[in-house]
Amino acid sequence: MQSTPLAEEFESHRRYLMAVAYRMLGSHADAEDAVQEAWLRVAKAAPEADDLRGWLTRVVSRICLDQLRSRTRRRENPLDLLPDVERAPDDADPITRAESADRVGYALMLVLEQLNPDERLAYVLHDVFGLSFEEVAPLVDRAVPAARKLASRARDRVRGAAPSDPQQAATREQRRRVVDAFLAAARGGDLAGLLALLHPEVEFRQDQGADGIRIIRGADRVASSAAAYHRYAKDFDFEIVELGDGFAVVAIEDGIPSSILFFTSEGGTIIAMETRELD
């Protein structure tokens, strides 16, 4: 990139733009591509904007929104973590907090993956980066009240708001109780407690990295595998996150998410589990 006043000003905003793009796309490589595309556009347009960062935010957001809308299915690869970023203090400004790759930020990214593109953009730009709904609305081709509604729906999902339908709410609470009970039993090596939660034909798929997927079938074998895990559990912190209509457990080692365990349950019984490494 040739050193010009415009290029230098763009570079001064690069870290912020990377944070915006990453929160939208969930991939460091995709975020870099989006920011680079923004530079190509700004270099071509040479805007004389009083607020270049605001102009660039809109450009990057549009690029990210187009990418999200073009995705035909959910990403299968684990979310990336932003590298070389220290945990932000609690009193940091929104931009600094958004750049932090702490465990709460990772859980937030998992939830954001479940939102539709417009909800995701409205939430990220308004709630995380503080843009007004007057600024957000044109980016999602909505009126201001509709943009506000998008962010509100996303906010409910991020905060884990209970469904309004009583039956759905009861199912959600039941699934959460199952995951809580499984985690407690696994951490305590409670074989009987695990067996009580598992369907007799439960299937457990374990991601073993370069060695591929290991599949364990049957309540006895899955319970024995989970009970043995308690020897290592003391080295980890665990965070339960809501994903779609289910729950998952993120294992965190030294502040870094290392794996995620997805649950499928029906009627208070676990019928399938899948673990995925995050390194």
Protein backbone atom coordinates (compact mmCIF):
# COMPACT_ATOMS: atom_id res chain seq x y z
CA MET A 1 0.00 0.00 0.00
CA GLN A 2 1.51 3.29 -1.11
CA SER A 3 2.07 5.74 1.73
CA THR A 4 -0.32 8.64 1.20
CA PRO A 5 -2.35 10.70 3.65
CA LEU A 6 -5.43 8.63 2.76
CA ALA A 7 -3.54 5.35 3.20
CA GLU A 8 -2.12 6.49 6.52
CA GLU A 9 -5.55 7.46 7.80
CA PHE A 10 -6.98 4.15 6.62
CA GLU A 11 -4.25 2.28 8.48
CA SER A 12 -5.08 4.21 11.65
CA HIS A 13 -8.58 2.68 11.47
CA ARG A 14 -7.56 -0.84 10.39
CA ARG A 15 -7.73 -2.46 13.84
CA TYR A 16 -11.19 -1.04 14.44
CA LEU A 17 -12.37 -2.17 11.00
CA MET A 18 -10.96 -5.66 11.65
CA ALA A 19 -12.95 -5.81 14.88
CA VAL A 20 -16.16 -4.84 13.06
CA ALA A 21 -15.56 -7.34 10.24
CA TYR A 22 -14.60 -10.15 12.60
CA ARG A 23 -17.72 -9.69 14.72
CA MET A 24 -19.75 -9.90 11.53
CA LEU A 25 -17.98 -12.82 9.82
CA GLY A 26 -16.47 -14.90 12.64
CA SER A 27 -13.28 -15.51 10.66
CA HIS A 28 -10.01 -13.62 10.87
CA ALA A 29 -9.17 -14.43 7.23
CA ASP A 30 -12.61 -13.34 5.99
CA ALA A 31 -12.34 -10.15 8.06
CA GLU A 32 -8.96 -9.35 6.50
CA ASP A 33 -10.44 -9.87 3.03
CA ALA A 34 -13.35 -7.55 3.84
CA VAL A 35 -11.04 -4.82 5.15
CA GLN A 36 -8.78 -5.16 2.11
CA GLU A 37 -11.82 -4.84 -0.16
CA ALA A 38 -12.79 -1.71 1.76
CA TRP A 39 -9.34 -0.26 1.09
CA LEU A 40 -9.68 -0.94 -2.63
CA ARG A 41 -13.00 0.87 -2.64
CA VAL A 42 -11.77 3.83 -0.62
CA ALA A 43 -8.64 4.15 -2.78
CA LYS A 44 -10.80 4.16 -5.91
CA ALA A 45 -13.42 6.55 -4.55
CA ALA A 46 -11.00 8.84 -2.68
CA PRO A 47 -13.82 10.17 -0.49
CA GLU A 48 -13.59 13.60 1.06
CA ALA A 49 -15.48 12.57 4.16
CA ASP A 50 -15.26 14.52 7.40
CA ASP A 51 -15.76 11.23 9.24
CA LEU A 52 -13.68 8.68 7.32
CA ARG A 53 -14.07 6.04 10.00
CA GLY A 54 -17.84 6.32 9.78
CA TRP A 55 -17.66 6.05 5.99
CA LEU A 56 -15.37 3.03 6.24
CA THR A 57 -17.64 1.40 8.83
CA ARG A 58 -20.51 1.58 6.37
CA VAL A 59 -18.37 0.18 3.55
CA VAL A 60 -17.05 -2.73 5.61
CA SER A 61 -20.52 -3.45 6.98
CA ARG A 62 -21.96 -3.62 3.46
CA ILE A 63 -19.19 -5.98 2.35
CA CYS A 64 -19.74 -8.23 5.36
CA LEU A 65 -23.50 -8.18 4.95
CA ASP A 66 -23.17 -9.26 1.32
CA GLN A 67 -20.90 -12.13 2.39
CA LEU A 68 -23.30 -13.27 5.10
CA ARG A 69 -26.30 -13.15 2.80
CA SER A 70 -24.44 -15.20 0.19
CA ARG A 71 -23.65 -18.00 2.63
CA THR A 72 -25.96 -20.91 1.87
CA ARG A 73 -25.39 -22.70 5.14
CA ARG A 74 -23.83 -22.23 8.56
CA ARG A 75 -20.06 -22.32 8.79
CA GLU A 76 -18.74 -25.80 9.64
CA ASN A 77 -15.29 -24.68 10.72
CA PRO A 78 -14.69 -23.47 14.27
CA LEU A 79 -14.77 -19.75 14.79
CA ASP A 80 -11.40 -18.04 14.74
CA LEU A 81 -10.06 -16.07 17.65
CA LEU A 82 -8.50 -12.70 16.98
CA PRO A 83 -4.76 -13.24 17.55
CA ASP A 84 -2.45 -11.16 19.70
CA VAL A 85 -5.23 -9.32 21.52
CA GLU A 86 -5.16 -8.93 25.28
CA ARG A 87 -8.28 -9.15 27.41
CA ALA A 88 -9.83 -5.70 27.75
CA PRO A 89 -10.55 -4.21 31.19
CA ASP A 90 -14.19 -3.96 32.24
CA ASP A 91 -14.22 -0.16 31.95
CA ALA A 92 -12.79 -0.14 28.42
CA ASP A 93 -14.61 1.58 25.58
CA PRO A 94 -16.85 -0.56 23.30
CA ILE A 95 -14.28 -0.82 20.52
CA THR A 96 -11.55 -2.07 22.85
CA ARG A 97 -13.95 -4.55 24.47
CA ALA A 98 -15.02 -5.83 21.06
CA GLU A 99 -11.40 -6.48 20.11
CA SER A 100 -10.89 -8.62 23.19
CA ALA A 101 -10.79 -12.38 22.52
CA ASP A 102 -11.82 -13.44 26.01
CA ARG A 103 -14.16 -16.33 26.72
CA VAL A 104 -17.28 -14.15 26.93
CA GLY A 105 -16.45 -12.73 23.50
CA TYR A 106 -16.18 -16.25 22.12
CA ALA A 107 -19.54 -17.24 23.57
CA LEU A 108 -21.01 -14.11 22.01
CA MET A 109 -19.62 -15.12 18.61
CA LEU A 110 -21.24 -18.54 18.93
CA VAL A 111 -24.59 -16.89 19.52
CA LEU A 112 -24.09 -14.38 16.70
CA GLU A 113 -23.61 -17.31 14.33
CA GLN A 114 -27.28 -18.17 14.93
CA LEU A 115 -28.63 -14.75 13.89
CA ASN A 116 -29.71 -13.86 10.40
CA PRO A 117 -27.37 -11.38 8.61
CA ASP A 118 -29.52 -8.28 9.17
CA GLU A 119 -30.04 -9.01 12.87
CA ARG A 120 -26.34 -9.63 13.26
CA LEU A 121 -25.34 -6.37 11.61
CA ALA A 122 -27.90 -4.32 13.55
CA TYR A 123 -26.77 -5.81 16.86
CA VAL A 124 -23.03 -5.58 16.18
CA LEU A 125 -23.08 -2.00 14.92
CA HIS A 126 -25.49 -0.62 17.53
CA ASP A 127 -24.89 -2.66 20.70
CA VAL A 128 -21.19 -3.44 20.27
CA PHE A 129 -19.87 -0.42 18.38
CA GLY A 130 -22.40 2.23 19.38
CA LEU A 131 -23.70 3.38 15.98
CA SER A 132 -27.10 5.03 16.03
CA PHE A 133 -30.10 3.34 14.43
CA GLU A 134 -30.23 6.25 12.00
CA GLU A 135 -26.81 5.05 10.77
CA VAL A 136 -27.69 1.35 10.90
CA ALA A 137 -31.06 1.52 9.12
CA PRO A 138 -29.76 2.32 5.58
CA LEU A 139 -27.24 -0.52 5.79
CA VAL A 140 -30.01 -3.11 6.23
CA ASP A 141 -32.44 -1.30 3.90
CA ARG A 142 -34.91 -0.72 6.71
CA ALA A 143 -36.63 2.20 8.36
CA VAL A 144 -35.25 3.20 11.75
CA PRO A 145 -38.02 1.44 13.78
CA ALA A 146 -37.44 -1.78 11.82
CA ALA A 147 -33.67 -1.59 12.40
CA ARG A 148 -34.34 -1.07 16.09
CA LYS A 149 -36.53 -4.19 16.06
CA LEU A 150 -33.78 -6.23 14.39
CA ALA A 151 -31.34 -5.30 17.13
CA SER A 152 -33.95 -6.01 19.80
CA ARG A 153 -34.56 -9.53 18.50
CA ALA A 154 -30.82 -10.15 18.33
CA ARG A 155 -30.37 -8.79 21.84
CA ASP A 156 -32.95 -11.22 23.16
CA ARG A 157 -31.07 -14.10 21.58
CA VAL A 158 -27.72 -12.92 22.91
CA ARG A 159 -29.12 -12.54 26.41
CA GLY A 160 -30.89 -15.86 26.20
CA ALA A 161 -34.39 -14.45 26.55
CA ALA A 162 -36.94 -17.15 27.28
CA PRO A 163 -39.44 -18.01 24.51
CA SER A 164 -42.87 -16.46 24.92
CA ASP A 165 -44.61 -19.78 24.24
CA PRO A 166 -44.93 -21.69 27.56
CA GLN A 167 -44.28 -25.07 25.95
CA GLN A 168 -41.15 -23.81 24.19
CA ALA A 169 -39.97 -22.20 27.41
CA ALA A 170 -40.46 -25.47 29.31
CA THR A 171 -38.52 -27.39 26.63
CA ARG A 172 -35.70 -24.85 26.77
CA GLU A 173 -35.47 -25.09 30.56
CA GLN A 174 -35.49 -28.88 30.38
CA ARG A 175 -32.62 -28.90 27.88
CA ARG A 176 -30.64 -26.51 30.05
CA ARG A 177 -31.18 -28.72 33.12
CA VAL A 178 -29.96 -31.75 31.20
CA VAL A 179 -26.74 -29.97 30.22
CA ASP A 180 -26.23 -28.68 33.77
CA ALA A 181 -26.71 -32.18 35.16
CA PHE A 182 -24.39 -33.76 32.59
CA LEU A 183 -21.62 -31.25 33.29
CA ALA A 184 -21.93 -31.77 37.05
CA ALA A 185 -21.87 -35.56 36.69
CA ALA A 186 -18.94 -35.54 34.25
CA ARG A 187 -16.87 -33.22 36.45
CA GLY A 188 -17.59 -35.43 39.47
CA GLY A 189 -16.96 -38.73 37.70
CA ASP A 190 -20.54 -39.77 38.59
CA LEU A 191 -21.13 -42.78 36.34
CA ALA A 192 -24.64 -43.49 37.65
CA GLY A 193 -25.63 -39.86 37.18
CA LEU A 194 -24.40 -39.92 33.59
CA LEU A 195 -26.23 -43.16 32.78
CA ALA A 196 -29.46 -41.63 34.06
CA LEU A 197 -29.15 -38.81 31.50
CA LEU A 198 -28.13 -40.81 28.41
CA HIS A 199 -30.37 -42.56 25.92
CA PRO A 200 -29.43 -46.26 25.64
CA GLU A 201 -28.41 -45.73 21.99
CA VAL A 202 -26.75 -42.34 22.44
CA GLU A 203 -24.02 -41.46 19.93
CA PHE A 204 -20.97 -39.42 20.89
CA ARG A 205 -18.82 -38.00 18.06
CA GLN A 206 -15.36 -36.85 19.16
CA ASP A 207 -13.21 -34.56 17.04
CA GLN A 208 -9.64 -35.85 17.33
CA GLY A 209 -8.03 -33.32 15.02
CA ALA A 210 -5.70 -34.88 12.47
CA ASP A 211 -6.82 -38.36 13.59
CA GLY A 212 -10.38 -37.72 12.39
CA ILE A 213 -13.67 -38.41 14.14
CA ARG A 214 -14.09 -41.09 16.81
CA ILE A 215 -17.65 -42.32 17.32
CA ILE A 216 -18.77 -43.91 20.60
CA ARG A 217 -22.20 -45.53 20.73
CA GLY A 218 -24.26 -46.75 23.65
CA ALA A 219 -24.96 -45.27 27.09
CA ASP A 220 -22.47 -47.50 28.95
CA ARG A 221 -19.52 -46.61 26.72
CA VAL A 222 -20.37 -42.91 26.51
CA ALA A 223 -20.90 -42.65 30.27
CA SER A 224 -17.57 -44.38 30.97
CA SER A 225 -15.79 -41.98 28.59
CA ALA A 226 -17.42 -38.93 30.15
CA ALA A 227 -16.81 -40.11 33.72
CA ALA A 228 -13.11 -40.59 32.99
CA TYR A 229 -12.93 -36.94 31.94
CA HIS A 230 -13.23 -35.76 35.55
CA ARG A 231 -9.48 -36.35 35.99
CA TYR A 232 -8.81 -33.50 33.56
CA ALA A 233 -11.78 -31.26 34.41
CA LYS A 234 -9.89 -29.46 37.19
CA ASP A 235 -7.64 -27.91 34.53
CA PHE A 236 -10.56 -26.26 32.72
CA ASP A 237 -13.27 -23.70 33.19
CA PHE A 238 -16.60 -24.35 31.52
CA GLU A 239 -19.21 -22.05 30.05
CA ILE A 240 -22.67 -23.10 28.92
CA VAL A 241 -23.93 -21.22 25.86
CA GLU A 242 -27.30 -21.33 24.09
CA LEU A 243 -27.12 -22.14 20.39
CA GLY A 244 -30.33 -22.14 18.38
CA ASP A 245 -32.76 -24.40 20.20
CA GLY A 246 -30.09 -26.21 22.19
CA PHE A 247 -27.10 -25.74 24.47
CA ALA A 248 -23.37 -26.41 24.32
CA VAL A 249 -20.46 -26.37 26.75
CA VAL A 250 -17.26 -24.48 25.95
CA ALA A 251 -14.14 -25.81 27.70
CA ILE A 252 -11.67 -23.03 28.50
CA GLU A 253 -8.02 -23.60 29.36
CA ASP A 254 -5.91 -20.69 30.63
CA GLY A 255 -8.57 -18.28 29.37
CA ILE A 256 -8.60 -19.71 25.83
CA PRO A 257 -11.54 -21.77 24.48
CA SER A 258 -10.17 -25.22 23.61
CA SER A 259 -13.23 -27.28 22.69
CA ILE A 260 -17.00 -27.16 22.47
CA LEU A 261 -19.46 -29.96 23.25
CA PHE A 262 -22.85 -29.86 21.50
CA PHE A 263 -25.89 -31.66 22.94
CA THR A 264 -29.05 -33.02 21.35
CA SER A 265 -31.69 -34.00 23.88
CA GLU A 266 -35.33 -35.00 23.90
CA GLY A 267 -37.60 -35.40 26.88
CA GLY A 268 -34.82 -34.94 29.40
CA THR A 269 -32.56 -37.53 27.75
CA ILE A 270 -29.37 -36.93 25.75
CA ILE A 271 -29.58 -38.71 22.40
CA ALA A 272 -26.43 -37.34 20.75
CA MET A 273 -23.30 -35.33 21.57
CA GLU A 274 -20.52 -33.95 19.43
CA THR A 275 -17.26 -32.38 20.54
CA ARG A 276 -15.18 -30.09 18.35
CA GLU A 277 -11.65 -28.88 18.99
CA LEU A 278 -11.13 -25.12 18.67
CA ASP A 279 -7.37 -24.85 18.24
